N, C-alpha and C. Protein backbone atom coordinates (compact mmCIF):
# COMPACT_ATOMS: atom_id res chain seq x y z
N UNK A 1 -129.48 -18.04 -20.16
CA UNK A 1 -130.09 -17.75 -21.44
C UNK A 1 -129.81 -18.95 -22.37
N UNK A 2 -130.80 -19.41 -23.02
CA UNK A 2 -130.60 -20.52 -23.95
C UNK A 2 -130.30 -19.95 -25.35
N UNK A 3 -129.69 -20.81 -26.18
CA UNK A 3 -129.27 -20.39 -27.51
C UNK A 3 -130.50 -20.08 -28.35
N UNK A 4 -130.31 -19.06 -29.25
CA UNK A 4 -131.44 -18.68 -30.13
C UNK A 4 -131.45 -19.58 -31.32
N UNK A 5 -130.31 -20.13 -31.70
CA UNK A 5 -130.28 -21.05 -32.81
C UNK A 5 -128.96 -21.88 -32.75
N UNK A 6 -128.90 -22.95 -33.54
CA UNK A 6 -127.70 -23.78 -33.60
C UNK A 6 -127.65 -24.81 -32.54
N UNK A 7 -126.69 -25.66 -32.63
CA UNK A 7 -126.48 -26.76 -31.67
C UNK A 7 -125.05 -26.80 -31.31
N UNK A 8 -124.80 -27.03 -30.03
CA UNK A 8 -123.43 -27.16 -29.50
C UNK A 8 -123.29 -28.57 -28.98
N UNK A 9 -122.26 -29.23 -29.40
CA UNK A 9 -121.89 -30.54 -28.87
C UNK A 9 -120.48 -30.50 -28.31
N UNK A 10 -120.24 -31.20 -27.25
CA UNK A 10 -118.90 -31.38 -26.68
C UNK A 10 -118.57 -32.83 -26.74
N UNK A 11 -117.73 -33.18 -27.70
CA UNK A 11 -117.38 -34.61 -27.92
C UNK A 11 -118.63 -35.47 -28.05
N UNK A 12 -119.59 -34.97 -28.80
CA UNK A 12 -120.83 -35.68 -29.12
C UNK A 12 -121.90 -35.59 -28.04
N UNK A 13 -121.65 -34.82 -26.97
CA UNK A 13 -122.63 -34.71 -25.90
C UNK A 13 -123.12 -33.26 -25.82
N UNK A 14 -124.35 -33.14 -25.28
CA UNK A 14 -124.90 -31.79 -24.98
C UNK A 14 -124.01 -31.21 -23.93
N UNK A 15 -123.87 -29.86 -23.88
CA UNK A 15 -123.01 -29.24 -22.90
C UNK A 15 -123.35 -29.63 -21.42
N UNK A 16 -124.62 -29.75 -21.08
CA UNK A 16 -125.02 -30.12 -19.75
C UNK A 16 -124.52 -31.54 -19.39
N UNK A 17 -124.37 -32.37 -20.37
CA UNK A 17 -123.89 -33.73 -20.06
C UNK A 17 -122.39 -33.80 -20.09
N UNK A 18 -121.70 -32.83 -20.66
CA UNK A 18 -120.25 -32.87 -20.89
C UNK A 18 -119.49 -32.00 -19.91
N UNK A 19 -120.13 -31.36 -18.97
CA UNK A 19 -119.47 -30.43 -18.09
C UNK A 19 -118.30 -31.01 -17.37
N UNK A 20 -118.33 -32.30 -17.10
CA UNK A 20 -117.21 -32.92 -16.33
C UNK A 20 -115.98 -33.12 -17.20
N UNK A 21 -116.11 -32.91 -18.50
CA UNK A 21 -114.94 -33.05 -19.42
C UNK A 21 -114.26 -31.70 -19.67
N UNK A 22 -114.76 -30.63 -18.96
CA UNK A 22 -114.32 -29.29 -19.22
C UNK A 22 -113.81 -28.68 -17.92
N UNK A 23 -112.77 -27.85 -18.02
CA UNK A 23 -112.28 -27.09 -16.88
C UNK A 23 -112.02 -25.64 -17.38
N UNK A 24 -111.98 -24.70 -16.42
CA UNK A 24 -111.87 -23.29 -16.76
C UNK A 24 -110.67 -22.64 -16.09
N UNK A 25 -110.10 -21.71 -16.75
CA UNK A 25 -109.11 -20.78 -16.20
C UNK A 25 -109.55 -19.38 -16.53
N UNK A 26 -109.82 -18.58 -15.49
CA UNK A 26 -110.42 -17.25 -15.71
C UNK A 26 -109.36 -16.19 -15.79
N UNK A 27 -109.82 -14.91 -16.00
CA UNK A 27 -108.89 -13.79 -16.08
C UNK A 27 -108.14 -13.64 -14.75
N UNK A 28 -108.85 -13.78 -13.67
CA UNK A 28 -108.19 -13.71 -12.34
C UNK A 28 -108.11 -15.18 -11.81
N UNK A 29 -107.15 -15.44 -11.01
CA UNK A 29 -106.93 -16.82 -10.58
C UNK A 29 -108.04 -17.40 -9.74
N UNK A 30 -108.80 -16.53 -9.05
CA UNK A 30 -109.95 -16.98 -8.19
C UNK A 30 -109.52 -18.04 -7.20
N UNK A 31 -108.40 -17.83 -6.52
CA UNK A 31 -107.97 -18.72 -5.47
C UNK A 31 -108.64 -18.35 -4.15
N UNK A 32 -108.89 -19.36 -3.33
CA UNK A 32 -109.47 -19.13 -2.02
C UNK A 32 -108.30 -18.66 -1.11
N UNK A 33 -108.38 -17.47 -0.53
CA UNK A 33 -107.21 -16.92 0.19
C UNK A 33 -106.79 -17.70 1.41
N UNK A 34 -107.67 -18.44 2.07
CA UNK A 34 -107.33 -19.15 3.31
C UNK A 34 -106.84 -20.56 2.99
N UNK A 35 -106.68 -20.95 1.73
CA UNK A 35 -106.20 -22.25 1.37
C UNK A 35 -104.83 -22.09 0.73
N UNK A 36 -103.94 -23.08 0.96
CA UNK A 36 -102.66 -23.08 0.36
C UNK A 36 -102.84 -23.37 -1.15
N UNK A 37 -101.69 -23.17 -1.86
CA UNK A 37 -101.78 -23.49 -3.30
C UNK A 37 -102.23 -24.94 -3.54
N UNK A 38 -101.63 -25.86 -2.76
CA UNK A 38 -102.02 -27.27 -2.91
C UNK A 38 -103.52 -27.48 -2.57
N UNK A 39 -104.00 -26.84 -1.51
CA UNK A 39 -105.36 -27.00 -1.12
C UNK A 39 -106.34 -26.29 -2.16
N UNK A 40 -105.87 -25.27 -2.79
CA UNK A 40 -106.66 -24.63 -3.88
C UNK A 40 -106.83 -25.58 -5.05
N UNK A 41 -105.77 -26.30 -5.36
CA UNK A 41 -105.86 -27.29 -6.44
C UNK A 41 -106.80 -28.41 -6.01
N UNK A 42 -106.65 -28.87 -4.78
CA UNK A 42 -107.52 -29.95 -4.26
C UNK A 42 -109.02 -29.54 -4.22
N UNK A 43 -109.26 -28.28 -4.01
CA UNK A 43 -110.67 -27.80 -3.99
C UNK A 43 -111.41 -28.17 -5.27
N UNK A 44 -110.78 -28.07 -6.42
CA UNK A 44 -111.45 -28.47 -7.64
C UNK A 44 -111.82 -29.90 -7.65
N UNK A 45 -110.87 -30.76 -7.25
CA UNK A 45 -111.17 -32.18 -7.24
C UNK A 45 -112.20 -32.53 -6.15
N UNK A 46 -112.20 -31.84 -5.03
CA UNK A 46 -113.20 -32.08 -3.99
C UNK A 46 -114.62 -31.76 -4.54
N UNK A 47 -114.69 -30.64 -5.22
CA UNK A 47 -115.97 -30.23 -5.76
C UNK A 47 -116.46 -31.12 -6.87
N UNK A 48 -115.55 -31.61 -7.70
CA UNK A 48 -115.95 -32.44 -8.82
C UNK A 48 -116.13 -33.90 -8.43
N UNK A 49 -115.29 -34.42 -7.61
CA UNK A 49 -115.33 -35.89 -7.31
C UNK A 49 -115.74 -36.24 -5.86
N UNK A 50 -115.95 -35.22 -5.03
CA UNK A 50 -116.25 -35.52 -3.64
C UNK A 50 -114.92 -35.77 -2.90
N UNK A 51 -115.00 -36.26 -1.67
CA UNK A 51 -113.80 -36.40 -0.85
C UNK A 51 -113.18 -37.79 -0.95
N UNK A 52 -113.69 -38.65 -1.73
CA UNK A 52 -113.13 -40.03 -1.81
C UNK A 52 -111.79 -39.96 -2.50
N UNK A 53 -110.94 -40.93 -2.19
CA UNK A 53 -109.60 -41.08 -2.82
C UNK A 53 -108.80 -39.80 -2.63
N UNK A 54 -108.94 -39.13 -1.50
CA UNK A 54 -108.26 -37.84 -1.32
C UNK A 54 -106.76 -37.96 -1.34
N UNK A 55 -106.16 -39.06 -0.84
CA UNK A 55 -104.73 -39.23 -0.86
C UNK A 55 -104.18 -39.22 -2.30
N UNK A 56 -104.85 -39.97 -3.16
CA UNK A 56 -104.46 -40.05 -4.57
C UNK A 56 -104.67 -38.68 -5.23
N UNK A 57 -105.73 -37.98 -4.93
CA UNK A 57 -106.01 -36.70 -5.52
C UNK A 57 -104.99 -35.68 -5.03
N UNK A 58 -104.58 -35.80 -3.76
CA UNK A 58 -103.56 -34.90 -3.23
C UNK A 58 -102.23 -35.07 -3.98
N UNK A 59 -101.92 -36.34 -4.26
CA UNK A 59 -100.71 -36.60 -5.04
C UNK A 59 -100.83 -36.08 -6.47
N UNK A 60 -101.97 -36.17 -7.03
CA UNK A 60 -102.27 -35.61 -8.40
C UNK A 60 -102.13 -34.11 -8.34
N UNK A 61 -102.66 -33.47 -7.30
CA UNK A 61 -102.53 -32.01 -7.17
C UNK A 61 -101.08 -31.59 -7.09
N UNK A 62 -100.27 -32.34 -6.32
CA UNK A 62 -98.85 -32.01 -6.23
C UNK A 62 -98.19 -32.19 -7.58
N UNK A 63 -98.56 -33.28 -8.35
CA UNK A 63 -97.97 -33.45 -9.66
C UNK A 63 -98.33 -32.28 -10.61
N UNK A 64 -99.53 -31.76 -10.53
CA UNK A 64 -99.98 -30.68 -11.35
C UNK A 64 -99.26 -29.37 -10.96
N UNK A 65 -99.01 -29.17 -9.68
CA UNK A 65 -98.23 -28.01 -9.23
C UNK A 65 -96.80 -28.13 -9.73
N UNK A 66 -96.27 -29.31 -9.74
CA UNK A 66 -94.88 -29.57 -10.21
C UNK A 66 -94.87 -29.29 -11.76
N UNK A 67 -95.88 -29.71 -12.44
CA UNK A 67 -95.93 -29.51 -13.91
C UNK A 67 -95.90 -27.99 -14.22
N UNK A 68 -96.57 -27.20 -13.40
CA UNK A 68 -96.62 -25.76 -13.67
C UNK A 68 -95.47 -25.01 -13.01
N UNK A 69 -94.48 -25.75 -12.44
CA UNK A 69 -93.31 -25.18 -11.91
C UNK A 69 -93.43 -24.67 -10.45
N UNK A 70 -94.47 -25.19 -9.71
CA UNK A 70 -94.66 -24.72 -8.35
C UNK A 70 -94.65 -25.92 -7.39
N UNK A 71 -93.94 -26.96 -7.72
CA UNK A 71 -93.91 -28.19 -6.84
C UNK A 71 -93.50 -27.96 -5.48
N UNK A 72 -92.59 -26.97 -5.26
CA UNK A 72 -92.10 -26.65 -3.91
C UNK A 72 -92.87 -25.56 -3.24
N UNK A 73 -93.96 -25.08 -3.88
CA UNK A 73 -94.73 -23.91 -3.32
C UNK A 73 -96.07 -24.32 -2.87
N UNK A 74 -96.42 -25.59 -2.79
CA UNK A 74 -97.77 -25.98 -2.42
C UNK A 74 -98.22 -25.53 -1.06
N UNK A 75 -97.30 -25.21 -0.15
CA UNK A 75 -97.60 -24.80 1.19
C UNK A 75 -97.90 -23.30 1.28
N UNK A 76 -97.64 -22.55 0.18
CA UNK A 76 -97.86 -21.11 0.24
C UNK A 76 -99.31 -20.73 0.01
N UNK A 77 -99.71 -19.63 0.69
CA UNK A 77 -101.04 -19.08 0.51
C UNK A 77 -101.01 -18.11 -0.69
N UNK A 78 -102.17 -17.81 -1.30
CA UNK A 78 -102.20 -16.97 -2.48
C UNK A 78 -101.47 -15.61 -2.28
N UNK A 79 -101.56 -15.01 -1.12
CA UNK A 79 -100.93 -13.72 -0.88
C UNK A 79 -99.41 -13.79 -0.97
N UNK A 80 -98.88 -15.01 -0.83
CA UNK A 80 -97.46 -15.17 -0.92
C UNK A 80 -96.93 -15.45 -2.30
N UNK A 81 -97.85 -15.51 -3.26
CA UNK A 81 -97.49 -15.86 -4.67
C UNK A 81 -97.62 -14.60 -5.56
N UNK A 82 -96.84 -14.55 -6.60
CA UNK A 82 -96.95 -13.48 -7.60
C UNK A 82 -98.19 -13.71 -8.46
N UNK A 83 -98.54 -12.72 -9.25
CA UNK A 83 -99.67 -12.87 -10.17
C UNK A 83 -99.54 -14.06 -11.10
N UNK A 84 -98.37 -14.20 -11.67
CA UNK A 84 -98.11 -15.34 -12.57
C UNK A 84 -98.14 -16.69 -11.85
N UNK A 85 -97.65 -16.70 -10.62
CA UNK A 85 -97.75 -17.95 -9.83
C UNK A 85 -99.18 -18.28 -9.50
N UNK A 86 -99.97 -17.32 -9.18
CA UNK A 86 -101.38 -17.56 -8.85
C UNK A 86 -102.08 -18.12 -10.08
N UNK A 87 -101.76 -17.57 -11.31
CA UNK A 87 -102.40 -18.09 -12.52
C UNK A 87 -101.92 -19.52 -12.81
N UNK A 88 -100.65 -19.84 -12.46
CA UNK A 88 -100.17 -21.24 -12.66
C UNK A 88 -100.90 -22.19 -11.65
N UNK A 89 -101.20 -21.71 -10.45
CA UNK A 89 -102.03 -22.58 -9.57
C UNK A 89 -103.41 -22.78 -10.18
N UNK A 90 -103.96 -21.74 -10.78
CA UNK A 90 -105.28 -21.90 -11.48
C UNK A 90 -105.19 -22.88 -12.60
N UNK A 91 -104.09 -22.91 -13.33
CA UNK A 91 -103.92 -23.89 -14.41
C UNK A 91 -103.76 -25.27 -13.85
N UNK A 92 -102.99 -25.42 -12.78
CA UNK A 92 -102.84 -26.69 -12.09
C UNK A 92 -104.20 -27.20 -11.59
N UNK A 93 -105.01 -26.29 -11.07
CA UNK A 93 -106.32 -26.68 -10.60
C UNK A 93 -107.18 -27.18 -11.70
N UNK A 94 -107.16 -26.50 -12.88
CA UNK A 94 -107.94 -26.96 -14.01
C UNK A 94 -107.46 -28.37 -14.52
N UNK A 95 -106.12 -28.53 -14.53
CA UNK A 95 -105.62 -29.85 -14.98
C UNK A 95 -105.90 -30.97 -14.01
N UNK A 96 -106.03 -30.66 -12.73
CA UNK A 96 -106.23 -31.65 -11.73
C UNK A 96 -107.49 -32.50 -11.92
N UNK A 97 -108.51 -31.90 -12.54
CA UNK A 97 -109.77 -32.57 -12.68
C UNK A 97 -109.73 -33.45 -13.98
N UNK A 98 -108.59 -33.54 -14.59
CA UNK A 98 -108.36 -34.38 -15.84
C UNK A 98 -109.41 -34.07 -16.90
N UNK A 99 -109.55 -32.86 -17.31
CA UNK A 99 -110.52 -32.50 -18.38
C UNK A 99 -109.96 -32.90 -19.75
N UNK A 100 -110.87 -32.95 -20.71
CA UNK A 100 -110.47 -33.12 -22.11
C UNK A 100 -110.25 -31.78 -22.69
N UNK A 101 -110.98 -30.80 -22.21
CA UNK A 101 -110.95 -29.43 -22.78
C UNK A 101 -110.72 -28.46 -21.63
N UNK A 102 -109.82 -27.46 -21.87
CA UNK A 102 -109.66 -26.35 -20.91
C UNK A 102 -110.01 -25.05 -21.59
N UNK A 103 -110.94 -24.35 -21.01
CA UNK A 103 -111.38 -23.04 -21.54
C UNK A 103 -110.58 -21.98 -20.72
N UNK A 104 -109.81 -21.15 -21.43
CA UNK A 104 -109.02 -20.12 -20.81
C UNK A 104 -109.49 -18.73 -21.29
N UNK A 105 -110.05 -17.94 -20.39
CA UNK A 105 -110.59 -16.61 -20.73
C UNK A 105 -109.60 -15.53 -20.33
N UNK A 106 -108.83 -15.09 -21.30
CA UNK A 106 -107.80 -14.06 -21.11
C UNK A 106 -107.05 -14.27 -19.79
N UNK A 107 -106.42 -15.43 -19.63
CA UNK A 107 -105.81 -15.71 -18.31
C UNK A 107 -104.58 -14.87 -17.96
N UNK A 108 -104.03 -14.12 -18.96
CA UNK A 108 -102.82 -13.31 -18.66
C UNK A 108 -103.12 -11.82 -18.76
N UNK A 109 -104.40 -11.45 -18.91
CA UNK A 109 -104.79 -10.08 -19.07
C UNK A 109 -104.29 -9.15 -17.95
N UNK A 110 -104.29 -9.61 -16.73
CA UNK A 110 -103.89 -8.77 -15.66
C UNK A 110 -102.39 -8.77 -15.29
N UNK A 111 -101.61 -9.53 -16.07
CA UNK A 111 -100.17 -9.66 -15.76
C UNK A 111 -99.34 -8.56 -16.45
N UNK A 112 -98.19 -8.28 -15.83
CA UNK A 112 -97.29 -7.32 -16.47
C UNK A 112 -96.68 -7.94 -17.72
N UNK A 113 -96.16 -7.16 -18.65
CA UNK A 113 -95.67 -7.67 -19.95
C UNK A 113 -94.61 -8.77 -19.80
N UNK A 114 -93.66 -8.67 -18.90
CA UNK A 114 -92.67 -9.72 -18.77
C UNK A 114 -93.25 -11.03 -18.25
N UNK A 115 -94.12 -10.94 -17.26
CA UNK A 115 -94.78 -12.13 -16.75
C UNK A 115 -95.65 -12.77 -17.82
N UNK A 116 -96.31 -11.92 -18.58
CA UNK A 116 -97.17 -12.43 -19.65
C UNK A 116 -96.37 -13.23 -20.65
N UNK A 117 -95.18 -12.74 -21.02
CA UNK A 117 -94.35 -13.52 -21.94
C UNK A 117 -93.91 -14.81 -21.34
N UNK A 118 -93.52 -14.82 -20.07
CA UNK A 118 -93.15 -16.03 -19.43
C UNK A 118 -94.30 -17.06 -19.38
N UNK A 119 -95.51 -16.51 -19.09
CA UNK A 119 -96.65 -17.37 -19.00
C UNK A 119 -97.08 -17.94 -20.39
N UNK A 120 -96.84 -17.23 -21.43
CA UNK A 120 -97.01 -17.82 -22.79
C UNK A 120 -96.16 -19.03 -22.98
N UNK A 121 -94.84 -18.86 -22.61
CA UNK A 121 -93.92 -19.97 -22.72
C UNK A 121 -94.34 -21.15 -21.86
N UNK A 122 -94.76 -20.85 -20.63
CA UNK A 122 -95.18 -21.89 -19.68
C UNK A 122 -96.39 -22.61 -20.25
N UNK A 123 -97.35 -21.88 -20.81
CA UNK A 123 -98.56 -22.49 -21.35
C UNK A 123 -98.24 -23.38 -22.52
N UNK A 124 -97.32 -22.96 -23.35
CA UNK A 124 -96.88 -23.77 -24.53
C UNK A 124 -96.22 -25.05 -23.97
N UNK A 125 -95.42 -24.92 -23.00
CA UNK A 125 -94.70 -26.12 -22.39
C UNK A 125 -95.72 -27.08 -21.79
N UNK A 126 -96.68 -26.53 -21.03
CA UNK A 126 -97.71 -27.38 -20.36
C UNK A 126 -98.58 -28.02 -21.40
N UNK A 127 -98.94 -27.31 -22.48
CA UNK A 127 -99.76 -27.92 -23.55
C UNK A 127 -98.95 -29.08 -24.19
N UNK A 128 -97.67 -28.83 -24.44
CA UNK A 128 -96.82 -29.89 -25.06
C UNK A 128 -96.83 -31.11 -24.14
N UNK A 129 -96.81 -30.96 -22.86
CA UNK A 129 -96.76 -32.08 -21.93
C UNK A 129 -98.09 -32.81 -21.76
N UNK A 130 -99.20 -32.07 -21.90
CA UNK A 130 -100.51 -32.63 -21.64
C UNK A 130 -101.35 -32.95 -22.91
N UNK A 131 -101.12 -32.22 -23.95
CA UNK A 131 -101.85 -32.33 -25.20
C UNK A 131 -103.42 -32.13 -25.00
N UNK A 132 -103.77 -31.33 -24.03
CA UNK A 132 -105.17 -31.04 -23.82
C UNK A 132 -105.67 -30.08 -24.91
N UNK A 133 -106.91 -30.16 -25.24
CA UNK A 133 -107.51 -29.16 -26.10
C UNK A 133 -107.76 -27.88 -25.29
N UNK A 134 -107.24 -26.79 -25.75
CA UNK A 134 -107.39 -25.51 -25.05
C UNK A 134 -108.08 -24.49 -25.95
N UNK A 135 -109.15 -23.93 -25.46
CA UNK A 135 -109.79 -22.81 -26.12
C UNK A 135 -109.35 -21.58 -25.38
N UNK A 136 -108.55 -20.76 -26.01
CA UNK A 136 -107.88 -19.62 -25.33
C UNK A 136 -108.37 -18.31 -25.91
N UNK A 137 -109.04 -17.53 -25.07
CA UNK A 137 -109.55 -16.22 -25.50
C UNK A 137 -108.53 -15.18 -25.24
N UNK A 138 -108.19 -14.34 -26.21
CA UNK A 138 -107.24 -13.24 -26.03
C UNK A 138 -107.53 -12.15 -27.06
N UNK A 139 -107.17 -10.95 -26.68
CA UNK A 139 -107.18 -9.82 -27.61
C UNK A 139 -105.82 -9.49 -28.14
N UNK A 140 -104.85 -10.27 -27.71
CA UNK A 140 -103.42 -10.04 -28.07
C UNK A 140 -103.07 -10.89 -29.27
N UNK A 141 -102.80 -10.21 -30.40
CA UNK A 141 -102.55 -10.95 -31.67
C UNK A 141 -101.32 -11.77 -31.54
N UNK A 142 -100.24 -11.24 -30.96
CA UNK A 142 -99.01 -12.00 -30.81
C UNK A 142 -99.27 -13.26 -29.98
N UNK A 143 -100.00 -13.12 -28.91
CA UNK A 143 -100.32 -14.26 -28.03
C UNK A 143 -101.02 -15.36 -28.83
N UNK A 144 -101.97 -14.95 -29.63
CA UNK A 144 -102.74 -15.90 -30.46
C UNK A 144 -101.83 -16.63 -31.42
N UNK A 145 -100.93 -15.85 -32.06
CA UNK A 145 -100.05 -16.46 -33.08
C UNK A 145 -99.04 -17.38 -32.41
N UNK A 146 -98.61 -17.08 -31.24
CA UNK A 146 -97.58 -17.90 -30.60
C UNK A 146 -98.16 -19.23 -29.99
N UNK A 147 -99.42 -19.14 -29.59
CA UNK A 147 -100.00 -20.32 -28.91
C UNK A 147 -100.96 -21.15 -29.73
N UNK A 148 -101.60 -20.59 -30.73
CA UNK A 148 -102.75 -21.23 -31.36
C UNK A 148 -102.32 -22.13 -32.53
N UNK A 149 -103.14 -23.14 -32.74
CA UNK A 149 -103.12 -23.90 -33.98
C UNK A 149 -104.19 -23.42 -34.91
N UNK A 150 -105.21 -22.81 -34.33
CA UNK A 150 -106.29 -22.24 -35.13
C UNK A 150 -106.76 -21.00 -34.40
N UNK A 151 -106.90 -19.87 -35.13
CA UNK A 151 -107.34 -18.62 -34.60
C UNK A 151 -108.73 -18.29 -35.23
N UNK A 152 -109.69 -17.97 -34.34
CA UNK A 152 -111.01 -17.59 -34.77
C UNK A 152 -111.18 -16.16 -34.36
N UNK A 153 -111.38 -15.29 -35.37
CA UNK A 153 -111.58 -13.87 -35.07
C UNK A 153 -113.01 -13.54 -35.21
N UNK A 154 -113.53 -12.81 -34.23
CA UNK A 154 -114.96 -12.45 -34.20
C UNK A 154 -115.15 -10.99 -34.47
N UNK A 155 -116.33 -10.65 -34.97
CA UNK A 155 -116.74 -9.25 -35.17
C UNK A 155 -117.16 -8.65 -33.83
N UNK A 156 -117.55 -7.36 -33.90
CA UNK A 156 -118.20 -6.74 -32.72
C UNK A 156 -119.56 -7.37 -32.47
N UNK A 157 -120.16 -7.07 -31.31
CA UNK A 157 -121.41 -7.62 -30.99
C UNK A 157 -122.50 -7.17 -31.96
N UNK A 158 -123.41 -7.95 -32.33
CA UNK A 158 -123.45 -9.37 -32.02
C UNK A 158 -122.39 -10.15 -32.79
N UNK A 159 -121.58 -10.86 -32.03
CA UNK A 159 -120.41 -11.50 -32.57
C UNK A 159 -120.72 -12.52 -33.62
N UNK A 160 -119.94 -12.45 -34.71
CA UNK A 160 -119.95 -13.43 -35.73
C UNK A 160 -118.57 -13.71 -36.12
N UNK A 161 -118.30 -14.94 -36.66
CA UNK A 161 -116.98 -15.36 -37.04
C UNK A 161 -116.60 -14.57 -38.29
N UNK A 162 -115.46 -13.81 -38.19
CA UNK A 162 -114.98 -13.04 -39.31
C UNK A 162 -113.92 -13.80 -40.15
N UNK A 163 -113.06 -14.59 -39.43
CA UNK A 163 -112.00 -15.27 -40.09
C UNK A 163 -111.58 -16.45 -39.24
N UNK A 164 -111.19 -17.54 -39.88
CA UNK A 164 -110.57 -18.66 -39.20
C UNK A 164 -109.25 -18.91 -39.87
N UNK A 165 -108.17 -18.76 -39.14
CA UNK A 165 -106.79 -18.91 -39.62
C UNK A 165 -106.19 -20.19 -38.99
N UNK A 166 -105.86 -21.17 -39.81
CA UNK A 166 -105.17 -22.38 -39.37
C UNK A 166 -103.68 -22.18 -39.49
N UNK A 167 -102.98 -22.37 -38.38
CA UNK A 167 -101.53 -22.20 -38.40
C UNK A 167 -100.87 -23.59 -38.45
N UNK A 168 -100.02 -23.77 -39.39
CA UNK A 168 -99.33 -25.07 -39.54
C UNK A 168 -97.89 -25.01 -39.12
N UNK A 169 -97.42 -23.81 -38.68
CA UNK A 169 -96.03 -23.67 -38.26
C UNK A 169 -95.86 -24.39 -36.90
N UNK A 170 -94.73 -25.15 -36.79
CA UNK A 170 -94.49 -25.91 -35.55
C UNK A 170 -94.24 -25.01 -34.34
N UNK A 171 -94.53 -25.57 -33.22
CA UNK A 171 -94.23 -24.90 -31.92
C UNK A 171 -92.86 -25.37 -31.49
N UNK A 172 -92.09 -24.56 -30.75
CA UNK A 172 -92.33 -23.21 -30.39
C UNK A 172 -92.14 -22.25 -31.56
N UNK A 173 -92.82 -21.11 -31.52
CA UNK A 173 -92.77 -20.12 -32.59
C UNK A 173 -92.14 -18.82 -32.10
N UNK A 174 -91.70 -18.06 -32.98
CA UNK A 174 -91.21 -16.70 -32.68
C UNK A 174 -91.99 -15.72 -33.57
N UNK A 175 -92.34 -14.59 -33.01
CA UNK A 175 -93.19 -13.65 -33.79
C UNK A 175 -92.38 -13.00 -34.92
N UNK A 176 -91.06 -12.99 -34.84
CA UNK A 176 -90.26 -12.32 -35.87
C UNK A 176 -89.96 -13.22 -37.09
N UNK A 177 -90.55 -14.41 -37.10
CA UNK A 177 -90.44 -15.29 -38.27
C UNK A 177 -91.26 -14.67 -39.41
N UNK A 178 -90.73 -14.62 -40.65
CA UNK A 178 -91.43 -13.92 -41.79
C UNK A 178 -92.85 -14.43 -41.95
N UNK A 179 -93.11 -15.71 -41.81
CA UNK A 179 -94.51 -16.21 -41.99
C UNK A 179 -95.39 -15.66 -40.89
N UNK A 180 -94.85 -15.66 -39.60
CA UNK A 180 -95.65 -15.16 -38.52
C UNK A 180 -95.91 -13.65 -38.66
N UNK A 181 -94.89 -12.91 -39.13
CA UNK A 181 -95.09 -11.49 -39.35
C UNK A 181 -96.17 -11.24 -40.39
N UNK A 182 -96.27 -12.07 -41.43
CA UNK A 182 -97.30 -11.89 -42.45
C UNK A 182 -98.69 -12.19 -41.86
N UNK A 183 -98.77 -13.28 -41.08
CA UNK A 183 -100.01 -13.59 -40.40
C UNK A 183 -100.41 -12.40 -39.46
N UNK A 184 -99.43 -11.87 -38.76
CA UNK A 184 -99.68 -10.82 -37.82
C UNK A 184 -100.24 -9.58 -38.53
N UNK A 185 -99.64 -9.21 -39.63
CA UNK A 185 -100.10 -8.02 -40.37
C UNK A 185 -101.53 -8.18 -40.84
N UNK A 186 -101.82 -9.40 -41.33
CA UNK A 186 -103.20 -9.70 -41.78
C UNK A 186 -104.25 -9.65 -40.65
N UNK A 187 -103.85 -10.22 -39.49
CA UNK A 187 -104.80 -10.21 -38.35
C UNK A 187 -104.97 -8.82 -37.80
N UNK A 188 -103.89 -8.00 -37.73
CA UNK A 188 -104.03 -6.68 -37.23
C UNK A 188 -104.88 -5.82 -38.14
N UNK A 189 -104.72 -5.98 -39.44
CA UNK A 189 -105.56 -5.25 -40.40
C UNK A 189 -107.01 -5.58 -40.20
N UNK A 190 -107.31 -6.93 -40.05
CA UNK A 190 -108.66 -7.38 -39.86
C UNK A 190 -109.19 -6.89 -38.52
N UNK A 191 -108.37 -6.96 -37.44
CA UNK A 191 -108.74 -6.51 -36.11
C UNK A 191 -109.13 -4.99 -36.14
N UNK A 192 -108.37 -4.18 -36.85
CA UNK A 192 -108.72 -2.76 -36.94
C UNK A 192 -110.02 -2.56 -37.68
N UNK A 193 -110.33 -3.40 -38.65
CA UNK A 193 -111.55 -3.23 -39.45
C UNK A 193 -112.81 -3.59 -38.68
N UNK A 194 -112.68 -4.38 -37.58
CA UNK A 194 -113.86 -4.74 -36.82
C UNK A 194 -113.99 -3.90 -35.56
N UNK A 195 -113.08 -3.03 -35.26
CA UNK A 195 -113.13 -2.17 -34.06
C UNK A 195 -114.23 -1.17 -34.14
């Protein structure tokens, strides 16, 4: 479906021209079950770049697995990994294609609360190491406050921007900081008003 109005540019390019600058991390890891973690990361580079320079890309895939804390788990198949580990493979896969922008669609939604907290910390650490632009979709107010530099809150469908909150507090953050608690109260009140 094409846009009914407006213009979207990605770093000055139309989206169709900029697709190679973007990578995705979905709600589920979407790993190929018959490929190891390392080969799942390589799949992204094979699809994007073809099979040339495979040795260098294999090394890059291993570096990305190491970055996400799975450097010694590249030989494991998805069934051997926890939910959080599978999502970290998905993040390594996205990073392996060297995007400028990573789109993350509720990547922790299916994780248990403890793993979700660990993955927030991991995501903040990975962002600090890579400085990639990340567009992170979440319904979790605390998650948004802990990870975002800017929060865009939408209305119900048809979605419209309700509020843009720019956070200037340095990372890492804790939710019990008085400034964060004030932001949290405001966002929850607004969230309830658009339900």
